[in-house]
Amino acid sequence: MKFNVKKLIDDCGGVSNLAKTIGVSRTSPYRWMDQDMITSTKLSDIKKHFALDVDIYFEEDKHGDGKSSS
């Protein structure tokens, strides 16, 4: 499975809105998207400010078996 960071950010109103709301720089959400990961601390901060069901952002990976292609 993978976590769709971009969709989460989009659903929070985009990079600028999310960054301003949780008190991080605008570069932070871009870094999360580039690295395709977000820390649990920041995810918790997002949950405090946005009414989101984080389960919907977990998606099957391309292989469908939960394994990476490394």
N, C-alpha and C. Protein backbone atom coordinates (compact mmCIF):
# COMPACT_ATOMS: atom_id res chain seq x y z
N MET A 1 0.84 -1.18 0.00
CA MET A 1 0.00 0.00 0.00
C MET A 1 0.89 1.25 0.00
N LYS A 2 0.31 2.31 -0.50
CA LYS A 2 1.01 3.58 -0.45
C LYS A 2 0.04 4.65 0.03
N PHE A 3 0.59 5.71 0.59
CA PHE A 3 -0.21 6.82 1.10
C PHE A 3 -0.16 7.94 0.06
N ASN A 4 -1.33 8.39 -0.39
CA ASN A 4 -1.41 9.41 -1.43
C ASN A 4 -1.31 10.80 -0.79
N VAL A 5 -0.07 11.26 -0.64
CA VAL A 5 0.20 12.54 0.01
C VAL A 5 -0.38 13.70 -0.80
N LYS A 6 -0.25 13.64 -2.11
CA LYS A 6 -0.75 14.73 -2.97
C LYS A 6 -2.26 14.91 -2.82
N LYS A 7 -2.99 13.83 -2.80
CA LYS A 7 -4.44 13.91 -2.65
C LYS A 7 -4.81 14.51 -1.28
N LEU A 8 -4.09 14.12 -0.25
CA LEU A 8 -4.32 14.68 1.08
C LEU A 8 -4.13 16.19 1.06
N ILE A 9 -3.03 16.64 0.47
CA ILE A 9 -2.73 18.07 0.41
C ILE A 9 -3.80 18.80 -0.40
N ASP A 10 -4.18 18.23 -1.53
CA ASP A 10 -5.23 18.84 -2.36
C ASP A 10 -6.55 18.96 -1.58
N ASP A 11 -6.89 17.91 -0.83
CA ASP A 11 -8.14 17.91 -0.07
C ASP A 11 -8.12 18.90 1.10
N CYS A 12 -6.93 19.33 1.48
CA CYS A 12 -6.79 20.33 2.55
C CYS A 12 -6.73 21.74 1.97
N GLY A 13 -7.03 21.90 0.71
CA GLY A 13 -7.06 23.23 0.10
C GLY A 13 -5.79 23.63 -0.60
N GLY A 14 -4.90 22.69 -0.79
CA GLY A 14 -3.66 22.98 -1.50
C GLY A 14 -2.51 23.30 -0.56
N VAL A 15 -1.35 23.45 -1.16
CA VAL A 15 -0.11 23.65 -0.42
C VAL A 15 -0.18 24.87 0.50
N SER A 16 -0.54 26.02 -0.05
CA SER A 16 -0.53 27.25 0.74
C SER A 16 -1.49 27.19 1.92
N ASN A 17 -2.70 26.74 1.67
CA ASN A 17 -3.69 26.67 2.74
C ASN A 17 -3.27 25.69 3.83
N LEU A 18 -2.80 24.53 3.44
CA LEU A 18 -2.37 23.53 4.41
C LEU A 18 -1.20 24.05 5.24
N ALA A 19 -0.20 24.60 4.57
CA ALA A 19 0.98 25.09 5.27
C ALA A 19 0.61 26.18 6.28
N LYS A 20 -0.21 27.11 5.86
CA LYS A 20 -0.62 28.20 6.74
C LYS A 20 -1.42 27.67 7.93
N THR A 21 -2.31 26.74 7.68
CA THR A 21 -3.18 26.21 8.73
C THR A 21 -2.42 25.45 9.81
N ILE A 22 -1.43 24.65 9.40
CA ILE A 22 -0.71 23.85 10.41
C ILE A 22 0.61 24.49 10.84
N GLY A 23 0.94 25.65 10.25
CA GLY A 23 2.12 26.38 10.70
C GLY A 23 3.45 25.85 10.22
N VAL A 24 3.50 25.43 8.96
CA VAL A 24 4.77 25.00 8.37
C VAL A 24 5.05 25.87 7.15
N SER A 25 6.27 25.82 6.65
CA SER A 25 6.60 26.58 5.45
C SER A 25 5.92 25.94 4.24
N ARG A 26 5.75 26.72 3.19
CA ARG A 26 5.12 26.20 1.98
C ARG A 26 5.96 25.11 1.33
N THR A 27 7.25 25.09 1.62
CA THR A 27 8.09 24.06 1.01
C THR A 27 7.87 22.68 1.63
N SER A 28 7.36 22.65 2.86
CA SER A 28 7.16 21.35 3.53
C SER A 28 6.21 20.43 2.77
N PRO A 29 5.00 20.88 2.40
CA PRO A 29 4.12 19.99 1.64
C PRO A 29 4.72 19.54 0.30
N TYR A 30 5.48 20.44 -0.35
CA TYR A 30 6.14 20.03 -1.60
C TYR A 30 7.16 18.93 -1.32
N ARG A 31 7.89 19.03 -0.21
CA ARG A 31 8.87 18.01 0.16
C ARG A 31 8.17 16.68 0.43
N TRP A 32 7.02 16.74 1.13
CA TRP A 32 6.27 15.51 1.41
C TRP A 32 5.87 14.83 0.11
N MET A 33 5.43 15.63 -0.86
CA MET A 33 5.04 15.05 -2.16
C MET A 33 6.24 14.49 -2.89
N ASP A 34 7.36 15.23 -2.90
CA ASP A 34 8.58 14.76 -3.58
C ASP A 34 9.09 13.47 -2.98
N GLN A 35 9.05 13.38 -1.65
CA GLN A 35 9.55 12.20 -0.96
C GLN A 35 8.49 11.10 -0.86
N ASP A 36 7.27 11.45 -1.23
CA ASP A 36 6.14 10.51 -1.17
C ASP A 36 5.97 9.95 0.24
N MET A 37 6.10 10.86 1.23
CA MET A 37 5.91 10.45 2.63
C MET A 37 5.63 11.67 3.49
N ILE A 38 5.00 11.41 4.62
CA ILE A 38 4.71 12.45 5.61
C ILE A 38 4.87 11.81 6.99
N THR A 39 5.36 12.58 7.95
CA THR A 39 5.55 12.02 9.28
C THR A 39 4.21 11.89 10.01
N SER A 40 4.18 11.02 10.95
CA SER A 40 2.95 10.85 11.74
C SER A 40 2.65 12.11 12.55
N THR A 41 3.68 12.84 12.95
CA THR A 41 3.49 14.08 13.69
C THR A 41 2.74 15.10 12.84
N LYS A 42 3.15 15.26 11.59
CA LYS A 42 2.49 16.22 10.71
C LYS A 42 1.09 15.73 10.32
N LEU A 43 0.94 14.43 10.15
CA LEU A 43 -0.37 13.88 9.86
C LEU A 43 -1.33 14.16 11.03
N SER A 44 -0.82 14.05 12.24
CA SER A 44 -1.62 14.35 13.42
C SER A 44 -2.00 15.83 13.45
N ASP A 45 -1.06 16.71 13.09
CA ASP A 45 -1.36 18.14 13.02
C ASP A 45 -2.46 18.41 12.00
N ILE A 46 -2.40 17.75 10.88
CA ILE A 46 -3.42 17.92 9.84
C ILE A 46 -4.78 17.46 10.35
N LYS A 47 -4.81 16.32 11.02
CA LYS A 47 -6.08 15.79 11.56
C LYS A 47 -6.70 16.74 12.59
N LYS A 48 -5.88 17.49 13.30
CA LYS A 48 -6.39 18.44 14.29
C LYS A 48 -7.16 19.58 13.64
N HIS A 49 -6.77 19.93 12.42
CA HIS A 49 -7.34 21.11 11.75
C HIS A 49 -8.33 20.79 10.63
N PHE A 50 -8.29 19.58 10.13
CA PHE A 50 -9.15 19.21 9.00
C PHE A 50 -9.92 17.94 9.35
N ALA A 51 -11.20 17.92 9.02
CA ALA A 51 -12.03 16.74 9.27
C ALA A 51 -11.85 15.76 8.11
N LEU A 52 -10.83 14.93 8.22
CA LEU A 52 -10.51 13.98 7.15
C LEU A 52 -10.46 12.56 7.69
N ASP A 53 -10.86 11.63 6.85
CA ASP A 53 -10.69 10.21 7.15
C ASP A 53 -9.40 9.78 6.44
N VAL A 54 -8.32 9.66 7.19
CA VAL A 54 -7.03 9.37 6.55
C VAL A 54 -6.99 8.01 5.86
N ASP A 55 -7.89 7.13 6.22
CA ASP A 55 -7.91 5.81 5.58
C ASP A 55 -8.12 5.90 4.07
N ILE A 56 -8.81 6.94 3.61
CA ILE A 56 -9.09 7.02 2.17
C ILE A 56 -7.85 7.35 1.35
N TYR A 57 -6.77 7.76 2.01
CA TYR A 57 -5.54 8.11 1.29
C TYR A 57 -4.60 6.92 1.13
N PHE A 58 -4.93 5.82 1.73
CA PHE A 58 -4.14 4.60 1.53
C PHE A 58 -4.65 3.90 0.28
N GLU A 59 -3.74 3.61 -0.62
CA GLU A 59 -4.09 3.00 -1.90
C GLU A 59 -3.21 1.79 -2.16
N GLU A 60 -3.73 0.87 -2.94
CA GLU A 60 -2.92 -0.27 -3.35
C GLU A 60 -1.78 0.23 -4.23
N ASP A 61 -0.62 -0.36 -4.09
CA ASP A 61 0.46 0.04 -4.98
C ASP A 61 0.27 -0.57 -6.36
N LYS A 62 1.13 -0.23 -7.28
CA LYS A 62 0.99 -0.68 -8.67
C LYS A 62 1.02 -2.20 -8.79
N HIS A 63 1.75 -2.85 -7.91
CA HIS A 63 1.87 -4.31 -7.97
C HIS A 63 0.70 -5.01 -7.28
N GLY A 64 0.02 -4.27 -6.39
CA GLY A 64 -1.13 -4.84 -5.70
C GLY A 64 -0.80 -5.84 -4.63
N ASP A 65 0.51 -6.03 -4.36
CA ASP A 65 0.90 -7.04 -3.37
C ASP A 65 1.52 -6.43 -2.12
N GLY A 66 1.56 -5.07 -2.07
CA GLY A 66 2.13 -4.41 -0.91
C GLY A 66 3.63 -4.34 -0.93
N LYS A 67 4.27 -4.87 -1.98
CA LYS A 67 5.72 -4.85 -2.06
C LYS A 67 6.16 -3.76 -3.01
N SER A 68 7.32 -3.18 -2.71
CA SER A 68 7.86 -2.16 -3.60
C SER A 68 8.60 -2.83 -4.75
N SER A 69 8.94 -2.06 -5.75
CA SER A 69 9.61 -2.62 -6.94
C SER A 69 11.11 -2.48 -6.85
N SER A 70 11.69 -2.47 -5.64
CA SER A 70 13.14 -2.32 -5.52
C SER A 70 13.91 -3.59 -5.73
